[in-house]
């Protein structure tokens, strides 16, 4: 069970890394209107889920 959570956590970190590259490529005008995009909302969901998994894994004494 914890192996799957660790795998999910690592997968989410990779997705966040790719999202970071995407957001860095946006123009200033695109950044101004970013909060209404589905990409931005998905990034928020990914970060929230990563935080949940991080807490669960740390409580189980798994270093991440």
PDB file of N, CA and C in Angstrom:
ATOM      1  N   UNK A   1       0.823  -1.193   0.000  1.00  0.00           N
ATOM      2  CA  UNK A   1       0.000   0.000   0.000  1.00  0.00           C
ATOM      3  C   UNK A   1       0.870   1.260   0.000  1.00  0.00           C
ATOM      4  N   UNK A   2       1.854   1.296   0.891  1.00  0.00           N
ATOM      5  CA  UNK A   2       2.724   2.462   0.944  1.00  0.00           C
ATOM      6  C   UNK A   2       3.599   2.557  -0.299  1.00  0.00           C
ATOM      7  N   UNK A   3       3.927   1.415  -0.899  1.00  0.00           N
ATOM      8  CA  UNK A   3       4.712   1.437  -2.134  1.00  0.00           C
ATOM      9  C   UNK A   3       3.953   2.170  -3.238  1.00  0.00           C
ATOM     10  N   UNK A   4       2.656   1.926  -3.303  1.00  0.00           N
ATOM     11  CA  UNK A   4       1.839   2.595  -4.320  1.00  0.00           C
ATOM     12  C   UNK A   4       1.768   4.099  -4.051  1.00  0.00           C
ATOM     13  N   UNK A   5       1.693   4.465  -2.788  1.00  0.00           N
ATOM     14  CA  UNK A   5       1.645   5.891  -2.443  1.00  0.00           C
ATOM     15  C   UNK A   5       2.978   6.564  -2.772  1.00  0.00           C
ATOM     16  N   UNK A   6       4.075   5.872  -2.510  1.00  0.00           N
ATOM     17  CA  UNK A   6       5.382   6.424  -2.848  1.00  0.00           C
ATOM     18  C   UNK A   6       5.522   6.549  -4.362  1.00  0.00           C
ATOM     19  N   UNK A   7       5.050   5.566  -5.078  1.00  0.00           N
ATOM     20  CA  UNK A   7       5.078   5.617  -6.544  1.00  0.00           C
ATOM     21  C   UNK A   7       4.226   6.788  -7.059  1.00  0.00           C
ATOM     22  N   UNK A   8       3.032   6.955  -6.492  1.00  0.00           N
ATOM     23  CA  UNK A   8       2.162   8.064  -6.886  1.00  0.00           C
ATOM     24  C   UNK A   8       2.828   9.400  -6.564  1.00  0.00           C
ATOM     25  N   UNK A   9       3.445   9.499  -5.403  1.00  0.00           N
ATOM     26  CA  UNK A   9       4.123  10.728  -4.990  1.00  0.00           C
ATOM     27  C   UNK A   9       5.231  11.084  -5.989  1.00  0.00           C
ATOM     28  N   UNK A  10       6.051  10.106  -6.336  1.00  0.00           N
ATOM     29  CA  UNK A  10       7.138  10.351  -7.291  1.00  0.00           C
ATOM     30  C   UNK A  10       6.607  10.726  -8.666  1.00  0.00           C
ATOM     31  N   UNK A  11       5.522  10.106  -9.077  1.00  0.00           N
ATOM     32  CA  UNK A  11       4.903  10.437 -10.364  1.00  0.00           C
ATOM     33  C   UNK A  11       4.386  11.887 -10.357  1.00  0.00           C
ATOM     34  N   UNK A  12       3.770  12.280  -9.275  1.00  0.00           N
ATOM     35  CA  UNK A  12       3.260  13.648  -9.159  1.00  0.00           C
ATOM     36  C   UNK A  12       4.415  14.645  -9.196  1.00  0.00           C
ATOM     37  N   UNK A  13       5.521  14.325  -8.526  1.00  0.00           N
ATOM     38  CA  UNK A  13       6.679  15.230  -8.546  1.00  0.00           C
ATOM     39  C   UNK A  13       7.202  15.416  -9.970  1.00  0.00           C
ATOM     40  N   UNK A  14       7.212  14.359 -10.747  1.00  0.00           N
ATOM     41  CA  UNK A  14       7.638  14.468 -12.146  1.00  0.00           C
ATOM     42  C   UNK A  14       6.681  15.355 -12.935  1.00  0.00           C
ATOM     43  N   UNK A  15       5.385  15.213 -12.697  1.00  0.00           N
ATOM     44  CA  UNK A  15       4.399  16.045 -13.386  1.00  0.00           C
ATOM     45  C   UNK A  15       4.540  17.514 -12.986  1.00  0.00           C
ATOM     46  N   UNK A  16       4.809  17.760 -11.718  1.00  0.00           N
ATOM     47  CA  UNK A  16       5.003  19.133 -11.253  1.00  0.00           C
ATOM     48  C   UNK A  16       6.248  19.728 -11.902  1.00  0.00           C
ATOM     49  N   UNK A  17       7.280  18.933 -12.042  1.00  0.00           N
ATOM     50  CA  UNK A  17       8.502  19.408 -12.695  1.00  0.00           C
ATOM     51  C   UNK A  17       8.228  19.791 -14.147  1.00  0.00           C
ATOM     52  N   UNK A  18       7.472  18.957 -14.853  1.00  0.00           N
ATOM     53  CA  UNK A  18       7.119  19.278 -16.242  1.00  0.00           C
ATOM     54  C   UNK A  18       6.239  20.524 -16.299  1.00  0.00           C
ATOM     55  N   UNK A  19       5.339  20.663 -15.349  1.00  0.00           N
ATOM     56  CA  UNK A  19       4.471  21.846 -15.306  1.00  0.00           C
ATOM     57  C   UNK A  19       5.303  23.104 -15.067  1.00  0.00           C
ATOM     58  N   UNK A  20       6.316  22.989 -14.253  1.00  0.00           N
ATOM     59  CA  UNK A  20       7.183  24.130 -13.991  1.00  0.00           C
ATOM     60  C   UNK A  20       7.822  24.624 -15.282  1.00  0.00           C
ATOM     61  N   UNK A  21       8.288  23.713 -16.090  1.00  0.00           N
ATOM     62  CA  UNK A  21       8.887  24.081 -17.372  1.00  0.00           C
ATOM     63  C   UNK A  21       7.852  24.754 -18.279  1.00  0.00           C
ATOM     64  N   UNK A  22       6.630  24.240 -18.261  1.00  0.00           N
ATOM     65  CA  UNK A  22       5.552  24.833 -19.062  1.00  0.00           C
ATOM     66  C   UNK A  22       5.262  26.265 -18.615  1.00  0.00           C
ATOM     67  N   UNK A  23       5.101  26.459 -17.323  1.00  0.00           N
ATOM     68  CA  UNK A  23       4.751  27.786 -16.814  1.00  0.00           C
ATOM     69  C   UNK A  23       5.875  28.794 -17.037  1.00  0.00           C
ATOM     70  N   UNK A  24       7.111  28.337 -16.977  1.00  0.00           N
ATOM     71  CA  UNK A  24       8.245  29.233 -17.233  1.00  0.00           C
ATOM     72  C   UNK A  24       8.270  29.703 -18.685  1.00  0.00           C
ATOM     73  N   UNK A  25       7.674  28.929 -19.585  1.00  0.00           N
ATOM     74  CA  UNK A  25       7.694  29.281 -21.002  1.00  0.00           C
ATOM     75  C   UNK A  25       6.601  30.289 -21.387  1.00  0.00           C
ATOM     76  N   UNK A  26       5.696  30.587 -20.475  1.00  0.00           N
ATOM     77  CA  UNK A  26       4.594  31.488 -20.783  1.00  0.00           C
ATOM     78  C   UNK A  26       5.045  32.945 -20.802  1.00  0.00           C
ATOM     79  N   UNK A  27       4.357  33.719 -21.610  1.00  0.00           N
ATOM     80  CA  UNK A  27       4.643  35.153 -21.677  1.00  0.00           C
ATOM     81  C   UNK A  27       4.026  35.858 -20.468  1.00  0.00           C
ATOM     82  N   UNK A  28       4.434  37.105 -20.268  1.00  0.00           N
ATOM     83  CA  UNK A  28       3.887  37.883 -19.154  1.00  0.00           C
ATOM     84  C   UNK A  28       2.375  38.032 -19.273  1.00  0.00           C
ATOM     85  N   UNK A  29       1.890  38.226 -20.484  1.00  0.00           N
ATOM     86  CA  UNK A  29       0.448  38.381 -20.704  1.00  0.00           C
ATOM     87  C   UNK A  29      -0.295  37.094 -20.343  1.00  0.00           C
ATOM     88  N   UNK A  30       0.269  35.954 -20.723  1.00  0.00           N
ATOM     89  CA  UNK A  30      -0.357  34.668 -20.397  1.00  0.00           C
ATOM     90  C   UNK A  30      -0.345  34.424 -18.888  1.00  0.00           C
ATOM     91  N   UNK A  31       0.711  34.835 -18.224  1.00  0.00           N
ATOM     92  CA  UNK A  31       0.813  34.649 -16.774  1.00  0.00           C
ATOM     93  C   UNK A  31      -0.256  35.462 -16.044  1.00  0.00           C
ATOM     94  N   UNK A  32      -0.580  36.640 -16.551  1.00  0.00           N
ATOM     95  CA  UNK A  32      -1.578  37.494 -15.905  1.00  0.00           C
ATOM     96  C   UNK A  32      -2.947  36.818 -15.815  1.00  0.00           C
ATOM     97  N   UNK A  33      -3.273  35.981 -16.797  1.00  0.00           N
ATOM     98  CA  UNK A  33      -4.590  35.330 -16.837  1.00  0.00           C
ATOM     99  C   UNK A  33      -4.507  33.842 -16.493  1.00  0.00           C
ATOM    100  N   UNK A  34      -3.464  33.441 -15.816  1.00  0.00           N
ATOM    101  CA  UNK A  34      -3.200  32.016 -15.595  1.00  0.00           C
ATOM    102  C   UNK A  34      -4.191  31.355 -14.632  1.00  0.00           C
ATOM    103  N   UNK A  35      -4.702  32.094 -13.669  1.00  0.00           N
ATOM    104  CA  UNK A  35      -5.531  31.489 -12.629  1.00  0.00           C
ATOM    105  C   UNK A  35      -6.816  30.862 -13.154  1.00  0.00           C
ATOM    106  N   UNK A  36      -7.270  31.261 -14.313  1.00  0.00           N
ATOM    107  CA  UNK A  36      -8.505  30.712 -14.868  1.00  0.00           C
ATOM    108  C   UNK A  36      -8.278  29.500 -15.765  1.00  0.00           C
ATOM    109  N   UNK A  37      -7.042  29.098 -15.956  1.00  0.00           N
ATOM    110  CA  UNK A  37      -6.767  27.987 -16.868  1.00  0.00           C
ATOM    111  C   UNK A  37      -6.877  26.651 -16.158  1.00  0.00           C
ATOM    112  N   UNK A  38      -7.195  25.633 -16.938  1.00  0.00           N
ATOM    113  CA  UNK A  38      -7.291  24.294 -16.356  1.00  0.00           C
ATOM    114  C   UNK A  38      -5.914  23.782 -15.947  1.00  0.00           C
ATOM    115  N   UNK A  39      -4.849  24.232 -16.621  1.00  0.00           N
ATOM    116  CA  UNK A  39      -3.496  23.816 -16.262  1.00  0.00           C
ATOM    117  C   UNK A  39      -3.123  24.298 -14.863  1.00  0.00           C
ATOM    118  N   UNK A  40      -3.475  25.534 -14.580  1.00  0.00           N
ATOM    119  CA  UNK A  40      -3.192  26.113 -13.275  1.00  0.00           C
ATOM    120  C   UNK A  40      -3.987  25.389 -12.183  1.00  0.00           C
ATOM    121  N   UNK A  41      -5.244  25.118 -12.451  1.00  0.00           N
ATOM    122  CA  UNK A  41      -6.082  24.423 -11.480  1.00  0.00           C
ATOM    123  C   UNK A  41      -5.579  23.001 -11.240  1.00  0.00           C
ATOM    124  N   UNK A  42      -5.142  22.330 -12.306  1.00  0.00           N
ATOM    125  CA  UNK A  42      -4.594  20.986 -12.164  1.00  0.00           C
ATOM    126  C   UNK A  42      -3.307  21.017 -11.350  1.00  0.00           C
ATOM    127  N   UNK A  43      -2.472  22.007 -11.589  1.00  0.00           N
ATOM    128  CA  UNK A  43      -1.238  22.130 -10.818  1.00  0.00           C
ATOM    129  C   UNK A  43      -1.559  22.270  -9.329  1.00  0.00           C
ATOM    130  N   UNK A  44      -2.549  23.063  -9.004  1.00  0.00           N
ATOM    131  CA  UNK A  44      -2.966  23.205  -7.609  1.00  0.00           C
ATOM    132  C   UNK A  44      -3.408  21.877  -7.010  1.00  0.00           C
ATOM    133  N   UNK A  45      -4.151  21.101  -7.777  1.00  0.00           N
ATOM    134  CA  UNK A  45      -4.599  19.786  -7.316  1.00  0.00           C
ATOM    135  C   UNK A  45      -3.417  18.844  -7.113  1.00  0.00           C
ATOM    136  N   UNK A  46      -2.467  18.888  -8.039  1.00  0.00           N
ATOM    137  CA  UNK A  46      -1.283  18.034  -7.924  1.00  0.00           C
ATOM    138  C   UNK A  46      -0.471  18.384  -6.678  1.00  0.00           C
ATOM    139  N   UNK A  47      -0.302  19.664  -6.444  1.00  0.00           N
ATOM    140  CA  UNK A  47       0.456  20.094  -5.272  1.00  0.00           C
ATOM    141  C   UNK A  47      -0.256  19.676  -3.990  1.00  0.00           C
ATOM    142  N   UNK A  48      -1.554  19.825  -3.964  1.00  0.00           N
ATOM    143  CA  UNK A  48      -2.341  19.427  -2.788  1.00  0.00           C
ATOM    144  C   UNK A  48      -2.196  17.922  -2.529  1.00  0.00           C
ATOM    145  N   UNK A  49      -2.315  17.125  -3.584  1.00  0.00           N
ATOM    146  CA  UNK A  49      -2.200  15.668  -3.433  1.00  0.00           C
ATOM    147  C   UNK A  49      -0.782  15.277  -3.021  1.00  0.00           C
ATOM    148  N   UNK A  50       0.214  15.934  -3.588  1.00  0.00           N
ATOM    149  CA  UNK A  50       1.597  15.644  -3.210  1.00  0.00           C
ATOM    150  C   UNK A  50       1.817  15.936  -1.732  1.00  0.00           C
ATOM    151  N   UNK A  51       1.247  17.017  -1.241  1.00  0.00           N
ATOM    152  CA  UNK A  51       1.365  17.348   0.180  1.00  0.00           C
ATOM    153  C   UNK A  51       0.718  16.288   1.061  1.00  0.00           C
ATOM    154  N   UNK A  52      -0.460  15.810   0.657  1.00  0.00           N
ATOM    155  CA  UNK A  52      -1.134  14.752   1.417  1.00  0.00           C
ATOM    156  C   UNK A  52      -0.267  13.495   1.473  1.00  0.00           C
ATOM    157  N   UNK A  53       0.252  13.106   0.308  1.00  0.00           N
ATOM    158  CA  UNK A  53       1.084  11.907   0.249  1.00  0.00           C
ATOM    159  C   UNK A  53       2.364  12.078   1.054  1.00  0.00           C
ATOM    160  N   UNK A  54       2.949  13.250   0.974  1.00  0.00           N
ATOM    161  CA  UNK A  54       4.174  13.523   1.727  1.00  0.00           C
ATOM    162  C   UNK A  54       3.934  13.313   3.224  1.00  0.00           C
ATOM    163  N   UNK A  55       2.842  13.861   3.721  1.00  0.00           N
ATOM    164  CA  UNK A  55       2.524  13.728   5.144  1.00  0.00           C
ATOM    165  C   UNK A  55       2.313  12.257   5.510  1.00  0.00           C
ATOM    166  N   UNK A  56       1.551  11.537   4.699  1.00  0.00           N
ATOM    167  CA  UNK A  56       1.295  10.120   4.973  1.00  0.00           C
ATOM    168  C   UNK A  56       2.590   9.315   4.977  1.00  0.00           C
ATOM    169  N   UNK A  57       3.442   9.565   4.006  1.00  0.00           N
ATOM    170  CA  UNK A  57       4.689   8.814   3.909  1.00  0.00           C
ATOM    171  C   UNK A  57       5.635   9.147   5.061  1.00  0.00           C
ATOM    172  N   UNK A  58       5.718  10.404   5.420  1.00  0.00           N
ATOM    173  CA  UNK A  58       6.574  10.798   6.548  1.00  0.00           C
ATOM    174  C   UNK A  58       6.069  10.194   7.860  1.00  0.00           C
ATOM    175  N   UNK A  59       4.753  10.145   8.018  1.00  0.00           N
ATOM    176  CA  UNK A  59       4.189   9.536   9.236  1.00  0.00           C
ATOM    177  C   UNK A  59       4.491   8.053   9.303  1.00  0.00           C
ATOM    178  N   UNK A  60       4.690   7.423   8.153  1.00  0.00           N
ATOM    179  CA  UNK A  60       5.037   6.005   8.093  1.00  0.00           C
ATOM    180  C   UNK A  60       6.554   5.813   8.092  1.00  0.00           C
ATOM    181  N   UNK A  61       7.309   6.873   8.401  1.00  0.00           N
ATOM    182  CA  UNK A  61       8.766   6.842   8.476  1.00  0.00           C
ATOM    183  C   UNK A  61       9.427   6.490   7.149  1.00  0.00           C
ATOM    184  N   UNK A  62       8.817   6.929   6.071  1.00  0.00           N
ATOM    185  CA  UNK A  62       9.410   6.753   4.734  1.00  0.00           C
ATOM    186  C   UNK A  62       9.978   8.101   4.317  1.00  0.00           C
ATOM    187  N   UNK A  63      11.283   8.108   4.089  1.00  0.00           N
ATOM    188  CA  UNK A  63      11.949   9.352   3.683  1.00  0.00           C
ATOM    189  C   UNK A  63      11.663   9.622   2.213  1.00  0.00           C
ATOM    190  N   UNK A  64      11.196  10.808   1.938  1.00  0.00           N
ATOM    191  CA  UNK A  64      10.914  11.197   0.555  1.00  0.00           C
ATOM    192  C   UNK A  64      11.686  12.445   0.210  1.00  0.00           C
TER     193      UNK A  64
END
